Amino acid sequence: MMLLKELLIDARWRIFLAVLCSALSAACSIGLIGYINRSLEQGLDDLSQALALFAGLLLLLFVSGTLAQWLLVQIGHRLVYQLRLRLVGKVLGTALERIERLGSPRIYNALTKDVTTVATAFKQLPISLYNGLLLVAGLAYMAWLSLPFFALTLAVI
């Protein structure tokens, strides 16, 4: 666990940037919903300006979401690579008697299955992060629209 924490600390700026991009993407999603809602209620004054704003929000949503997922995938791949590299280094530095005592299945599991489990968790991270931020942004938007409805929703949840 210490090794994983150390590897994550090495990638803290990329993780921060990925979280920032995910938050921007979630905010754009809620912004689009709010803009559509406002446009339906109040109508459109200038169609070309409305389409430009809608397209801009949609483009920002796509770019920020794609960038966040790309960053998190890169972090995951680098983490798995570094983890395997360090584990192989530790195995190579271990005395032969100790390796024979541990047995090859245990070493094989550490190098393949355990690292693959970490990689699988990182594959789910972009989706989980985006959905969590989208949930928070959606609840904030709901609270802004109607506090009683927001309280009722929280009570139901």
N, C-alpha and C. Protein backbone atom coordinates (compact mmCIF):
# COMPACT_ATOMS: atom_id res chain seq x y z
N MET A 1 0.82 -1.19 0.00
CA MET A 1 0.00 0.00 0.00
C MET A 1 0.86 1.26 0.00
N MET A 2 1.99 1.19 0.68
CA MET A 2 2.90 2.33 0.71
C MET A 2 3.43 2.62 -0.69
N LEU A 3 3.70 1.56 -1.44
CA LEU A 3 4.21 1.71 -2.80
C LEU A 3 3.18 2.40 -3.68
N LEU A 4 1.93 1.99 -3.56
CA LEU A 4 0.86 2.61 -4.34
C LEU A 4 0.69 4.08 -3.97
N LYS A 5 0.77 4.38 -2.68
CA LYS A 5 0.65 5.77 -2.23
C LYS A 5 1.81 6.61 -2.79
N GLU A 6 3.01 6.05 -2.77
CA GLU A 6 4.17 6.76 -3.30
C GLU A 6 4.02 7.04 -4.80
N LEU A 7 3.51 6.05 -5.52
CA LEU A 7 3.30 6.23 -6.96
C LEU A 7 2.23 7.27 -7.25
N LEU A 8 1.20 7.31 -6.43
CA LEU A 8 0.14 8.31 -6.61
C LEU A 8 0.64 9.71 -6.28
N ILE A 9 1.53 9.83 -5.30
CA ILE A 9 2.09 11.13 -4.97
C ILE A 9 2.92 11.66 -6.13
N ASP A 10 3.62 10.76 -6.83
CA ASP A 10 4.41 11.17 -7.99
C ASP A 10 3.53 11.75 -9.10
N ALA A 11 2.28 11.31 -9.18
CA ALA A 11 1.37 11.76 -10.24
C ALA A 11 0.34 12.78 -9.75
N ARG A 12 0.63 13.44 -8.64
CA ARG A 12 -0.39 14.31 -8.02
C ARG A 12 -0.81 15.47 -8.92
N TRP A 13 0.10 16.04 -9.73
CA TRP A 13 -0.29 17.16 -10.59
C TRP A 13 -1.18 16.69 -11.73
N ARG A 14 -0.88 15.51 -12.27
CA ARG A 14 -1.75 14.98 -13.32
C ARG A 14 -3.12 14.63 -12.75
N ILE A 15 -3.14 14.10 -11.55
CA ILE A 15 -4.41 13.77 -10.90
C ILE A 15 -5.21 15.05 -10.65
N PHE A 16 -4.53 16.09 -10.17
CA PHE A 16 -5.20 17.37 -9.93
C PHE A 16 -5.79 17.93 -11.23
N LEU A 17 -5.01 17.86 -12.31
CA LEU A 17 -5.48 18.36 -13.60
C LEU A 17 -6.66 17.52 -14.11
N ALA A 18 -6.61 16.21 -13.90
CA ALA A 18 -7.70 15.34 -14.32
C ALA A 18 -8.98 15.63 -13.53
N VAL A 19 -8.84 15.86 -12.23
CA VAL A 19 -10.00 16.21 -11.40
C VAL A 19 -10.57 17.56 -11.84
N LEU A 20 -9.69 18.50 -12.14
CA LEU A 20 -10.13 19.81 -12.61
C LEU A 20 -10.89 19.69 -13.94
N CYS A 21 -10.37 18.89 -14.86
CA CYS A 21 -11.05 18.68 -16.15
C CYS A 21 -12.38 17.97 -15.96
N SER A 22 -12.43 17.00 -15.05
CA SER A 22 -13.69 16.30 -14.77
C SER A 22 -14.71 17.26 -14.17
N ALA A 23 -14.25 18.12 -13.27
CA ALA A 23 -15.16 19.11 -12.68
C ALA A 23 -15.68 20.08 -13.73
N LEU A 24 -14.80 20.51 -14.64
CA LEU A 24 -15.22 21.40 -15.73
C LEU A 24 -16.24 20.69 -16.64
N SER A 25 -16.00 19.43 -16.91
CA SER A 25 -16.91 18.66 -17.74
C SER A 25 -18.28 18.52 -17.07
N ALA A 26 -18.27 18.22 -15.78
CA ALA A 26 -19.53 18.11 -15.04
C ALA A 26 -20.25 19.45 -15.00
N ALA A 27 -19.51 20.53 -14.80
CA ALA A 27 -20.11 21.87 -14.77
C ALA A 27 -20.71 22.22 -16.14
N CYS A 28 -20.03 21.83 -17.21
CA CYS A 28 -20.57 22.08 -18.56
C CYS A 28 -21.85 21.28 -18.79
N SER A 29 -21.90 20.07 -18.28
CA SER A 29 -23.12 19.26 -18.41
C SER A 29 -24.29 19.94 -17.72
N ILE A 30 -24.07 20.37 -16.50
CA ILE A 30 -25.13 21.06 -15.76
C ILE A 30 -25.43 22.41 -16.41
N GLY A 31 -24.40 23.08 -16.91
CA GLY A 31 -24.60 24.35 -17.61
C GLY A 31 -25.47 24.18 -18.84
N LEU A 32 -25.25 23.10 -19.58
CA LEU A 32 -26.09 22.83 -20.75
C LEU A 32 -27.54 22.59 -20.36
N ILE A 33 -27.72 21.83 -19.30
CA ILE A 33 -29.09 21.57 -18.83
C ILE A 33 -29.75 22.88 -18.39
N GLY A 34 -29.01 23.69 -17.64
CA GLY A 34 -29.55 24.97 -17.20
C GLY A 34 -29.84 25.91 -18.36
N TYR A 35 -28.95 25.92 -19.36
CA TYR A 35 -29.15 26.80 -20.51
C TYR A 35 -30.37 26.36 -21.32
N ILE A 36 -30.53 25.06 -21.51
CA ILE A 36 -31.71 24.56 -22.23
C ILE A 36 -32.97 24.87 -21.45
N ASN A 37 -32.92 24.68 -20.14
CA ASN A 37 -34.07 24.97 -19.28
C ASN A 37 -34.45 26.45 -19.36
N ARG A 38 -33.45 27.33 -19.26
CA ARG A 38 -33.72 28.77 -19.33
C ARG A 38 -34.23 29.18 -20.71
N SER A 39 -33.68 28.57 -21.75
CA SER A 39 -34.12 28.90 -23.11
C SER A 39 -35.57 28.46 -23.35
N LEU A 40 -35.94 27.32 -22.79
CA LEU A 40 -37.32 26.86 -22.94
C LEU A 40 -38.30 27.75 -22.18
N GLU A 41 -37.87 28.24 -21.02
CA GLU A 41 -38.75 29.09 -20.21
C GLU A 41 -38.88 30.50 -20.79
N GLN A 42 -37.74 31.09 -21.21
CA GLN A 42 -37.74 32.50 -21.61
C GLN A 42 -37.72 32.71 -23.12
N GLY A 43 -37.46 31.68 -23.86
CA GLY A 43 -37.36 31.83 -25.30
C GLY A 43 -35.99 32.33 -25.70
N LEU A 44 -35.77 32.40 -27.00
CA LEU A 44 -34.48 32.84 -27.53
C LEU A 44 -34.62 34.19 -28.19
N ASP A 45 -33.69 35.11 -27.87
CA ASP A 45 -33.69 36.42 -28.51
C ASP A 45 -32.98 36.35 -29.86
N ASP A 46 -31.81 35.73 -29.86
CA ASP A 46 -30.99 35.65 -31.07
C ASP A 46 -30.58 34.19 -31.26
N LEU A 47 -31.11 33.58 -32.31
CA LEU A 47 -30.87 32.15 -32.54
C LEU A 47 -29.40 31.85 -32.80
N SER A 48 -28.71 32.70 -33.56
CA SER A 48 -27.30 32.44 -33.87
C SER A 48 -26.44 32.52 -32.62
N GLN A 49 -26.74 33.47 -31.73
CA GLN A 49 -25.99 33.58 -30.49
C GLN A 49 -26.28 32.39 -29.57
N ALA A 50 -27.54 31.97 -29.54
CA ALA A 50 -27.91 30.82 -28.73
C ALA A 50 -27.23 29.54 -29.22
N LEU A 51 -27.20 29.37 -30.55
CA LEU A 51 -26.53 28.19 -31.11
C LEU A 51 -25.03 28.23 -30.86
N ALA A 52 -24.44 29.41 -30.92
CA ALA A 52 -23.00 29.54 -30.66
C ALA A 52 -22.68 29.20 -29.21
N LEU A 53 -23.50 29.69 -28.29
CA LEU A 53 -23.28 29.38 -26.87
C LEU A 53 -23.49 27.89 -26.60
N PHE A 54 -24.54 27.33 -27.19
CA PHE A 54 -24.81 25.90 -27.03
C PHE A 54 -23.65 25.07 -27.59
N ALA A 55 -23.18 25.41 -28.78
CA ALA A 55 -22.07 24.68 -29.40
C ALA A 55 -20.79 24.85 -28.59
N GLY A 56 -20.56 26.04 -28.05
CA GLY A 56 -19.38 26.27 -27.22
C GLY A 56 -19.39 25.43 -25.96
N LEU A 57 -20.55 25.39 -25.28
CA LEU A 57 -20.67 24.56 -24.09
C LEU A 57 -20.50 23.08 -24.43
N LEU A 58 -21.07 22.67 -25.54
CA LEU A 58 -20.96 21.27 -25.97
C LEU A 58 -19.51 20.92 -26.30
N LEU A 59 -18.82 21.81 -26.99
CA LEU A 59 -17.41 21.57 -27.32
C LEU A 59 -16.55 21.53 -26.06
N LEU A 60 -16.78 22.46 -25.14
CA LEU A 60 -16.03 22.47 -23.89
C LEU A 60 -16.30 21.20 -23.08
N LEU A 61 -17.54 20.75 -23.08
CA LEU A 61 -17.90 19.50 -22.41
C LEU A 61 -17.13 18.33 -23.01
N PHE A 62 -17.10 18.25 -24.32
CA PHE A 62 -16.41 17.16 -25.00
C PHE A 62 -14.91 17.21 -24.75
N VAL A 63 -14.31 18.38 -24.90
CA VAL A 63 -12.85 18.51 -24.75
C VAL A 63 -12.43 18.23 -23.31
N SER A 64 -13.12 18.82 -22.35
CA SER A 64 -12.73 18.62 -20.95
C SER A 64 -12.97 17.18 -20.51
N GLY A 65 -14.06 16.58 -20.94
CA GLY A 65 -14.32 15.18 -20.59
C GLY A 65 -13.30 14.23 -21.20
N THR A 66 -12.97 14.47 -22.47
CA THR A 66 -11.99 13.63 -23.15
C THR A 66 -10.61 13.79 -22.52
N LEU A 67 -10.24 15.02 -22.21
CA LEU A 67 -8.94 15.28 -21.60
C LEU A 67 -8.85 14.64 -20.21
N ALA A 68 -9.91 14.73 -19.43
CA ALA A 68 -9.91 14.13 -18.10
C ALA A 68 -9.75 12.61 -18.19
N GLN A 69 -10.49 11.99 -19.09
CA GLN A 69 -10.38 10.54 -19.24
C GLN A 69 -9.01 10.15 -19.76
N TRP A 70 -8.46 10.90 -20.70
CA TRP A 70 -7.14 10.59 -21.24
C TRP A 70 -6.08 10.70 -20.14
N LEU A 71 -6.16 11.77 -19.34
CA LEU A 71 -5.20 11.94 -18.25
C LEU A 71 -5.28 10.80 -17.24
N LEU A 72 -6.48 10.41 -16.87
CA LEU A 72 -6.63 9.34 -15.89
C LEU A 72 -6.20 7.99 -16.45
N VAL A 73 -6.42 7.76 -17.72
CA VAL A 73 -5.95 6.52 -18.34
C VAL A 73 -4.42 6.52 -18.38
N GLN A 74 -3.82 7.66 -18.72
CA GLN A 74 -2.36 7.75 -18.73
C GLN A 74 -1.79 7.53 -17.34
N ILE A 75 -2.41 8.09 -16.34
CA ILE A 75 -1.97 7.89 -14.97
C ILE A 75 -2.06 6.41 -14.60
N GLY A 76 -3.17 5.78 -14.99
CA GLY A 76 -3.34 4.35 -14.70
C GLY A 76 -2.29 3.49 -15.38
N HIS A 77 -2.02 3.76 -16.65
CA HIS A 77 -1.01 2.98 -17.37
C HIS A 77 0.37 3.19 -16.76
N ARG A 78 0.70 4.43 -16.45
CA ARG A 78 2.00 4.71 -15.85
C ARG A 78 2.11 4.08 -14.47
N LEU A 79 1.03 4.11 -13.71
CA LEU A 79 1.03 3.51 -12.38
C LEU A 79 1.27 2.01 -12.47
N VAL A 80 0.57 1.35 -13.38
CA VAL A 80 0.75 -0.09 -13.55
C VAL A 80 2.18 -0.40 -14.00
N TYR A 81 2.70 0.38 -14.92
CA TYR A 81 4.07 0.17 -15.39
C TYR A 81 5.07 0.32 -14.25
N GLN A 82 4.94 1.41 -13.50
CA GLN A 82 5.86 1.64 -12.38
C GLN A 82 5.72 0.57 -11.31
N LEU A 83 4.49 0.16 -11.04
CA LEU A 83 4.25 -0.88 -10.04
C LEU A 83 4.90 -2.19 -10.45
N ARG A 84 4.72 -2.59 -11.69
CA ARG A 84 5.34 -3.82 -12.17
C ARG A 84 6.86 -3.70 -12.17
N LEU A 85 7.35 -2.56 -12.58
CA LEU A 85 8.80 -2.35 -12.61
C LEU A 85 9.41 -2.46 -11.21
N ARG A 86 8.77 -1.86 -10.25
CA ARG A 86 9.28 -1.93 -8.88
C ARG A 86 9.16 -3.33 -8.29
N LEU A 87 8.05 -4.01 -8.59
CA LEU A 87 7.89 -5.37 -8.09
C LEU A 87 8.92 -6.32 -8.69
N VAL A 88 9.18 -6.17 -9.98
CA VAL A 88 10.20 -7.01 -10.62
C VAL A 88 11.56 -6.69 -10.02
N GLY A 89 11.85 -5.42 -9.77
CA GLY A 89 13.11 -5.04 -9.13
C GLY A 89 13.26 -5.67 -7.75
N LYS A 90 12.16 -5.70 -7.00
CA LYS A 90 12.21 -6.33 -5.67
C LYS A 90 12.40 -7.84 -5.78
N VAL A 91 11.76 -8.46 -6.76
CA VAL A 91 11.93 -9.90 -6.94
C VAL A 91 13.38 -10.20 -7.32
N LEU A 92 13.94 -9.39 -8.23
CA LEU A 92 15.32 -9.61 -8.65
C LEU A 92 16.30 -9.37 -7.50
N GLY A 93 15.95 -8.52 -6.57
CA GLY A 93 16.82 -8.24 -5.44
C GLY A 93 16.64 -9.20 -4.27
N THR A 94 15.70 -10.10 -4.38
CA THR A 94 15.42 -11.05 -3.31
C THR A 94 16.32 -12.28 -3.46
N ALA A 95 16.74 -12.81 -2.33
CA ALA A 95 17.59 -14.00 -2.34
C ALA A 95 16.82 -15.19 -2.92
N LEU A 96 17.55 -16.05 -3.61
CA LEU A 96 16.94 -17.21 -4.27
C LEU A 96 16.23 -18.12 -3.28
N GLU A 97 16.80 -18.28 -2.08
CA GLU A 97 16.16 -19.15 -1.07
C GLU A 97 14.79 -18.61 -0.68
N ARG A 98 14.70 -17.31 -0.54
CA ARG A 98 13.42 -16.69 -0.16
C ARG A 98 12.41 -16.85 -1.29
N ILE A 99 12.83 -16.68 -2.53
CA ILE A 99 11.93 -16.86 -3.67
C ILE A 99 11.42 -18.29 -3.72
N GLU A 100 12.31 -19.26 -3.49
CA GLU A 100 11.88 -20.67 -3.50
C GLU A 100 10.92 -20.95 -2.36
N ARG A 101 11.13 -20.31 -1.21
CA ARG A 101 10.23 -20.50 -0.07
C ARG A 101 8.85 -19.91 -0.38
N LEU A 102 8.82 -18.75 -1.01
CA LEU A 102 7.54 -18.13 -1.35
C LEU A 102 6.80 -18.93 -2.41
N GLY A 103 7.51 -19.43 -3.38
CA GLY A 103 6.89 -20.20 -4.45
C GLY A 103 6.51 -19.32 -5.62
N SER A 104 6.60 -19.90 -6.80
CA SER A 104 6.34 -19.13 -8.02
C SER A 104 4.88 -18.69 -8.16
N PRO A 105 3.88 -19.49 -7.69
CA PRO A 105 2.50 -18.99 -7.83
C PRO A 105 2.26 -17.67 -7.09
N ARG A 106 2.86 -17.53 -5.94
CA ARG A 106 2.66 -16.31 -5.17
C ARG A 106 3.32 -15.11 -5.85
N ILE A 107 4.50 -15.32 -6.39
CA ILE A 107 5.20 -14.25 -7.10
C ILE A 107 4.46 -13.92 -8.39
N TYR A 108 4.00 -14.94 -9.08
CA TYR A 108 3.24 -14.73 -10.32
C TYR A 108 1.98 -13.92 -10.05
N ASN A 109 1.27 -14.27 -8.98
CA ASN A 109 0.06 -13.51 -8.63
C ASN A 109 0.37 -12.05 -8.34
N ALA A 110 1.46 -11.81 -7.63
CA ALA A 110 1.82 -10.42 -7.30
C ALA A 110 2.14 -9.63 -8.55
N LEU A 111 2.82 -10.26 -9.52
CA LEU A 111 3.24 -9.55 -10.72
C LEU A 111 2.12 -9.40 -11.75
N THR A 112 1.17 -10.28 -11.76
CA THR A 112 0.14 -10.22 -12.80
C THR A 112 -1.24 -9.89 -12.24
N LYS A 113 -1.78 -10.75 -11.42
CA LYS A 113 -3.17 -10.57 -10.99
C LYS A 113 -3.36 -9.37 -10.07
N ASP A 114 -2.46 -9.18 -9.12
CA ASP A 114 -2.61 -8.06 -8.20
C ASP A 114 -2.47 -6.72 -8.92
N VAL A 115 -1.51 -6.64 -9.81
CA VAL A 115 -1.31 -5.40 -10.57
C VAL A 115 -2.48 -5.18 -11.52
N THR A 116 -3.01 -6.25 -12.09
CA THR A 116 -4.16 -6.14 -12.97
C THR A 116 -5.39 -5.62 -12.21
N THR A 117 -5.51 -6.01 -10.96
CA THR A 117 -6.61 -5.51 -10.13
C THR A 117 -6.49 -4.00 -9.95
N VAL A 118 -5.28 -3.52 -9.71
CA VAL A 118 -5.06 -2.07 -9.59
C VAL A 118 -5.39 -1.38 -10.91
N ALA A 119 -4.98 -2.00 -12.03
CA ALA A 119 -5.25 -1.41 -13.35
C ALA A 119 -6.75 -1.34 -13.61
N THR A 120 -7.48 -2.36 -13.23
CA THR A 120 -8.94 -2.37 -13.41
C THR A 120 -9.60 -1.28 -12.59
N ALA A 121 -9.11 -1.08 -11.39
CA ALA A 121 -9.66 -0.01 -10.55
C ALA A 121 -9.42 1.35 -11.19
N PHE A 122 -8.25 1.54 -11.79
CA PHE A 122 -7.98 2.82 -12.44
C PHE A 122 -8.76 3.00 -13.73
N LYS A 123 -9.18 1.92 -14.37
CA LYS A 123 -10.03 2.05 -15.55
C LYS A 123 -11.40 2.59 -15.16
N GLN A 124 -11.87 2.24 -13.97
CA GLN A 124 -13.17 2.69 -13.50
C GLN A 124 -13.12 4.10 -12.90
N LEU A 125 -11.93 4.56 -12.58
CA LEU A 125 -11.79 5.86 -11.93
C LEU A 125 -12.33 7.03 -12.74
N PRO A 126 -12.04 7.13 -14.06
CA PRO A 126 -12.59 8.27 -14.80
C PRO A 126 -14.11 8.34 -14.77
N ILE A 127 -14.75 7.20 -14.94
CA ILE A 127 -16.21 7.16 -14.95
C ILE A 127 -16.76 7.52 -13.57
N SER A 128 -16.16 6.95 -12.53
CA SER A 128 -16.62 7.22 -11.17
C SER A 128 -16.41 8.68 -10.79
N LEU A 129 -15.26 9.22 -11.14
CA LEU A 129 -14.95 10.61 -10.82
C LEU A 129 -15.92 11.55 -11.52
N TYR A 130 -16.13 11.34 -12.81
CA TYR A 130 -17.04 12.21 -13.57
C TYR A 130 -18.46 12.11 -13.01
N ASN A 131 -18.93 10.89 -12.77
CA ASN A 131 -20.30 10.72 -12.28
C ASN A 131 -20.47 11.32 -10.89
N GLY A 132 -19.46 11.19 -10.04
CA GLY A 132 -19.54 11.79 -8.71
C GLY A 132 -19.61 13.31 -8.78
N LEU A 133 -18.76 13.89 -9.62
CA LEU A 133 -18.79 15.36 -9.77
C LEU A 133 -20.08 15.82 -10.44
N LEU A 134 -20.58 15.04 -11.38
CA LEU A 134 -21.85 15.38 -12.02
C LEU A 134 -23.00 15.32 -11.01
N LEU A 135 -22.96 14.36 -10.13
CA LEU A 135 -23.98 14.25 -9.08
C LEU A 135 -23.95 15.47 -8.17
N VAL A 136 -22.76 15.87 -7.74
CA VAL A 136 -22.63 17.03 -6.86
C VAL A 136 -23.10 18.30 -7.59
N ALA A 137 -22.67 18.46 -8.84
CA ALA A 137 -23.09 19.65 -9.60
C ALA A 137 -24.60 19.64 -9.84
N GLY A 138 -25.15 18.48 -10.13
CA GLY A 138 -26.60 18.38 -10.34
C GLY A 138 -27.39 18.70 -9.08
N LEU A 139 -26.90 18.21 -7.95
CA LEU A 139 -27.58 18.52 -6.69
C LEU A 139 -27.47 20.02 -6.36
N ALA A 140 -26.32 20.61 -6.66
CA ALA A 140 -26.17 22.05 -6.43
C ALA A 140 -27.13 22.84 -7.32
N TYR A 141 -27.27 22.42 -8.57
CA TYR A 141 -28.19 23.09 -9.48
C TYR A 141 -29.63 22.91 -9.00
N MET A 142 -29.95 21.72 -8.52
CA MET A 142 -31.29 21.47 -8.00
C MET A 142 -31.56 22.34 -6.77
N ALA A 143 -30.56 22.49 -5.91
CA ALA A 143 -30.72 23.35 -4.72
C ALA A 143 -30.91 24.80 -5.13
N TRP A 144 -30.23 25.21 -6.18
CA TRP A 144 -30.37 26.59 -6.67
C TRP A 144 -31.76 26.82 -7.25
N LEU A 145 -32.31 25.80 -7.92
CA LEU A 145 -33.64 25.94 -8.50
C LEU A 145 -34.74 25.93 -7.44
N SER A 146 -34.65 24.97 -6.50
CA SER A 146 -35.71 24.84 -5.51
C SER A 146 -35.16 24.13 -4.27
N LEU A 147 -35.02 24.88 -3.19
CA LEU A 147 -34.52 24.30 -1.95
C LEU A 147 -35.46 23.23 -1.38
N PRO A 148 -36.79 23.45 -1.39
CA PRO A 148 -37.67 22.39 -0.86
C PRO A 148 -37.56 21.08 -1.67
N PHE A 149 -37.49 21.20 -2.99
CA PHE A 149 -37.36 20.00 -3.82
C PHE A 149 -36.01 19.33 -3.58
N PHE A 150 -34.96 20.11 -3.38
CA PHE A 150 -33.64 19.59 -3.08
C PHE A 150 -33.67 18.83 -1.76
N ALA A 151 -34.29 19.40 -0.74
CA ALA A 151 -34.39 18.74 0.58
C ALA A 151 -35.19 17.44 0.46
N LEU A 152 -36.27 17.48 -0.32
CA LEU A 152 -37.07 16.27 -0.52
C LEU A 152 -36.25 15.18 -1.22
N THR A 153 -35.48 15.58 -2.20
CA THR A 153 -34.64 14.62 -2.94
C THR A 153 -33.61 14.01 -2.01
N LEU A 154 -32.95 14.83 -1.18
CA LEU A 154 -31.98 14.30 -0.23
C LEU A 154 -32.64 13.36 0.78
N ALA A 155 -33.87 13.69 1.20
CA ALA A 155 -34.57 12.82 2.14
C ALA A 155 -34.89 11.47 1.50
N VAL A 156 -35.28 11.49 0.24
CA VAL A 156 -35.59 10.24 -0.47
C VAL A 156 -34.32 9.40 -0.67
N ILE A 157 -33.23 10.08 -1.00
CA ILE A 157 -31.95 9.36 -1.18
C ILE A 157 -31.50 8.77 0.13
